[in-house]
């Protein structure tokens, strides 16, 4: 015959209620819990960090990066701190769509990249063929959905940058009269997840 353990209330050592009638309470503080001896199955998400960048009005001008792109090129969209809990986990970064364009035919493609320190961990580039557009102007809409190995358990900033190989604009169109009046702010989101391997 199967058995069941039923707990009406669970309290921590400071007599704070952690669970009542089978439901966790909102005052559970897990920030100082030692997880070093806990084993999770592969694929388990152990933490999620989010960030957002909002901009309204005309686009932000970015100078051309040329064909050699590094952690100081283009426009910095995010610089988000992240501390992995495990040194052998995978880190997954995801962004919403990022619009990059040019207003004169200077470059050929837009890009979005992610780094920690000087280590490139994600990069997308390219544009639809300029033959499709008046004046051979290029635009691109990129998003990141990449995974990479944890660097250890120290805090590092994940830098997400975007730009074009020639001068261009990031976020919104350059012409201010073509943005919506309400809502007038565009928000790009970033999600960073740590997953057990």
Protein backbone atom coordinates (compact mmCIF):
# COMPACT_ATOMS: atom_id res chain seq x y z
CA UNK A 1 0.00 0.00 0.00
CA UNK A 2 1.49 3.42 -0.96
CA UNK A 3 2.13 5.86 1.83
CA UNK A 4 2.01 9.66 1.90
CA UNK A 5 3.63 12.26 4.11
CA UNK A 6 1.38 15.19 4.87
CA UNK A 7 2.75 18.33 6.52
CA UNK A 8 0.44 21.04 7.78
CA UNK A 9 3.19 23.60 8.37
CA UNK A 10 6.97 23.75 7.84
CA UNK A 11 9.14 26.26 9.71
CA UNK A 12 12.84 27.14 9.44
CA UNK A 13 15.21 27.31 12.42
CA UNK A 14 14.21 30.96 13.03
CA UNK A 15 10.57 29.87 13.33
CA UNK A 16 9.59 31.50 10.00
CA UNK A 17 6.77 29.70 8.21
CA UNK A 18 8.13 28.29 4.95
CA UNK A 19 5.14 26.17 3.96
CA UNK A 20 1.55 26.25 5.11
CA UNK A 21 -1.20 23.85 4.02
CA UNK A 22 1.06 22.46 1.29
CA UNK A 23 1.93 25.82 -0.29
CA UNK A 24 5.25 27.69 -0.07
CA UNK A 25 4.97 31.10 1.50
CA UNK A 26 6.32 34.28 -0.10
CA UNK A 27 8.88 34.91 2.65
CA UNK A 28 11.21 32.01 1.75
CA UNK A 29 14.69 33.48 1.28
CA UNK A 30 16.84 31.09 -0.78
CA UNK A 31 19.73 33.54 -1.32
CA UNK A 32 21.90 32.07 1.45
CA UNK A 33 20.98 28.41 0.99
CA UNK A 34 24.00 26.18 0.40
CA UNK A 35 23.24 24.18 -2.77
CA UNK A 36 26.72 22.62 -3.08
CA UNK A 37 25.54 19.15 -2.08
CA UNK A 38 22.32 19.19 -4.10
CA UNK A 39 22.16 17.15 -7.31
CA UNK A 40 19.82 18.17 -10.09
CA UNK A 41 19.04 16.16 -13.23
CA UNK A 42 20.50 17.24 -16.58
CA UNK A 43 18.37 19.94 -18.18
CA UNK A 44 17.23 21.43 -14.86
CA UNK A 45 17.21 25.25 -14.85
CA UNK A 46 18.87 26.40 -11.63
CA UNK A 47 18.54 30.15 -12.11
CA UNK A 48 17.07 32.76 -14.43
CA UNK A 49 18.16 36.41 -14.64
CA UNK A 50 16.33 38.96 -16.79
CA UNK A 51 17.15 42.47 -17.95
CA UNK A 52 15.60 44.99 -20.31
CA UNK A 53 16.65 48.02 -22.34
CA UNK A 54 14.08 50.62 -23.35
CA UNK A 55 14.38 53.41 -25.88
CA UNK A 56 11.93 55.87 -27.36
CA UNK A 57 12.15 58.24 -30.27
CA UNK A 58 14.52 57.99 -33.20
CA UNK A 59 17.20 55.34 -33.42
CA UNK A 60 20.59 55.50 -31.74
CA UNK A 61 23.38 56.26 -34.17
CA UNK A 62 26.24 53.75 -34.22
CA UNK A 63 29.50 54.18 -36.06
CA UNK A 64 30.59 51.42 -38.40
CA UNK A 65 32.54 48.57 -36.87
CA UNK A 66 34.14 47.37 -40.09
CA UNK A 67 34.74 43.66 -40.41
CA UNK A 68 36.65 43.24 -37.11
CA UNK A 69 34.14 43.23 -34.26
CA UNK A 70 35.01 43.12 -30.57
CA UNK A 71 33.63 43.76 -27.11
CA UNK A 72 33.84 47.55 -27.62
CA UNK A 73 32.28 47.70 -31.13
CA UNK A 74 28.83 49.06 -31.92
CA UNK A 75 26.31 50.00 -29.25
CA UNK A 76 26.13 48.33 -25.84
CA UNK A 77 22.57 47.10 -25.35
CA UNK A 78 23.16 45.12 -22.13
CA UNK A 79 25.87 44.80 -19.51
CA UNK A 80 24.25 42.36 -17.12
CA UNK A 81 25.98 40.72 -14.17
CA UNK A 82 25.60 36.96 -13.82
CA UNK A 83 27.08 34.49 -11.33
CA UNK A 84 26.81 30.81 -12.28
CA UNK A 85 26.08 28.47 -9.38
CA UNK A 86 27.93 25.58 -11.04
CA UNK A 87 31.19 25.53 -12.98
CA UNK A 88 30.09 22.68 -15.26
CA UNK A 89 26.68 24.05 -16.32
CA UNK A 90 25.50 25.59 -19.57
CA UNK A 91 24.51 29.24 -19.81
CA UNK A 92 21.72 30.13 -22.24
CA UNK A 93 21.17 33.71 -23.41
CA UNK A 94 18.09 34.86 -25.29
CA UNK A 95 17.08 38.31 -26.51
CA UNK A 96 14.00 39.66 -28.18
CA UNK A 97 14.38 41.05 -31.71
CA UNK A 98 16.85 43.91 -32.19
CA UNK A 99 16.35 46.21 -35.20
CA UNK A 100 19.47 47.63 -36.88
CA UNK A 101 19.52 49.62 -40.13
CA UNK A 102 21.39 52.13 -42.22
CA UNK A 103 20.12 55.41 -43.68
CA UNK A 104 22.71 55.65 -46.46
CA UNK A 105 24.48 52.89 -48.36
CA UNK A 106 27.66 52.66 -46.28
CA UNK A 107 27.80 49.07 -45.01
CA UNK A 108 26.42 45.68 -45.91
CA UNK A 109 25.26 43.91 -42.77
CA UNK A 110 24.15 44.32 -39.18
CA UNK A 111 25.23 42.21 -36.21
CA UNK A 112 24.52 41.36 -32.57
CA UNK A 113 27.11 39.72 -30.31
CA UNK A 114 27.55 38.66 -26.70
CA UNK A 115 30.74 38.52 -24.64
CA UNK A 116 31.90 37.98 -21.10
CA UNK A 117 35.28 39.60 -20.56
CA UNK A 118 36.79 39.36 -24.08
CA UNK A 119 35.32 35.91 -24.77
CA UNK A 120 32.79 35.90 -27.62
CA UNK A 121 29.93 33.52 -26.74
CA UNK A 122 27.26 34.41 -29.33
CA UNK A 123 27.26 36.20 -32.66
CA UNK A 124 24.77 36.67 -35.49
CA UNK A 125 25.20 38.87 -38.54
CA UNK A 126 23.84 39.46 -42.00
CA UNK A 127 21.06 41.31 -43.78
CA UNK A 128 18.53 40.58 -46.49
CA UNK A 129 19.94 41.33 -49.93
CA UNK A 130 20.16 45.08 -50.58
CA UNK A 131 18.71 44.42 -54.07
CA UNK A 132 15.25 44.30 -52.48
CA UNK A 133 15.37 47.83 -51.12
CA UNK A 134 15.43 51.31 -52.57
CA UNK A 135 18.91 52.85 -52.58
CA UNK A 136 20.54 49.51 -51.67
CA UNK A 137 19.96 50.29 -47.97
CA UNK A 138 20.39 47.41 -45.53
CA UNK A 139 18.52 46.50 -42.39
CA UNK A 140 18.49 43.52 -40.10
CA UNK A 141 16.47 42.14 -37.23
CA UNK A 142 18.52 39.81 -35.04
CA UNK A 143 17.92 37.93 -31.81
CA UNK A 144 20.23 35.73 -29.76
CA UNK A 145 19.39 32.22 -28.59
CA UNK A 146 22.76 30.69 -27.76
CA UNK A 147 24.30 28.41 -25.15
CA UNK A 148 27.87 28.17 -23.89
CA UNK A 149 29.77 26.52 -21.04
CA UNK A 150 29.92 28.19 -17.64
CA UNK A 151 33.13 30.11 -16.93
CA UNK A 152 33.09 29.08 -13.26
CA UNK A 153 31.24 30.49 -10.27
CA UNK A 154 32.45 34.10 -10.23
CA UNK A 155 30.37 37.11 -11.22
CA UNK A 156 30.95 38.45 -14.73
CA UNK A 157 29.11 40.89 -16.94
CA UNK A 158 27.50 39.53 -20.07
CA UNK A 159 27.79 42.31 -22.65
CA UNK A 160 25.39 42.34 -25.59
CA UNK A 161 26.28 44.78 -28.36
CA UNK A 162 24.88 45.51 -31.79
CA UNK A 163 25.76 47.55 -34.85
CA UNK A 164 26.55 47.53 -38.56
CA UNK A 165 29.79 47.13 -40.43
CA UNK A 166 29.06 50.62 -41.79
CA UNK A 167 27.42 53.49 -39.91
CA UNK A 168 23.80 52.87 -38.99
CA UNK A 169 21.10 53.01 -36.33
CA UNK A 170 19.97 50.61 -33.65
CA UNK A 171 16.44 50.58 -32.15
CA UNK A 172 13.59 52.27 -34.05
CA UNK A 173 13.84 53.92 -37.41
CA UNK A 174 15.95 57.02 -37.72
CA UNK A 175 12.99 59.15 -38.78
CA UNK A 176 11.30 60.27 -35.56
CA UNK A 177 7.93 60.80 -37.27
CA UNK A 178 7.59 57.08 -38.02
CA UNK A 179 7.52 55.84 -34.42
CA UNK A 180 4.23 54.99 -32.67
CA UNK A 181 2.76 57.63 -30.40
CA UNK A 182 1.54 55.09 -27.85
CA UNK A 183 3.36 53.12 -26.69
CA UNK A 184 6.33 55.20 -27.74
CA UNK A 185 8.95 53.09 -26.00
CA UNK A 186 10.54 49.96 -27.45
CA UNK A 187 11.84 47.47 -24.90
CA UNK A 188 14.31 44.72 -25.75
CA UNK A 189 14.47 41.87 -23.27
CA UNK A 190 17.33 39.63 -22.19
CA UNK A 191 17.00 36.28 -20.43
CA UNK A 192 20.01 34.44 -19.00
CA UNK A 193 19.49 30.87 -17.76
CA UNK A 194 21.81 28.41 -16.12
CA UNK A 195 21.09 24.77 -16.95
CA UNK A 196 22.59 21.66 -15.37
CA UNK A 197 24.43 19.33 -17.78
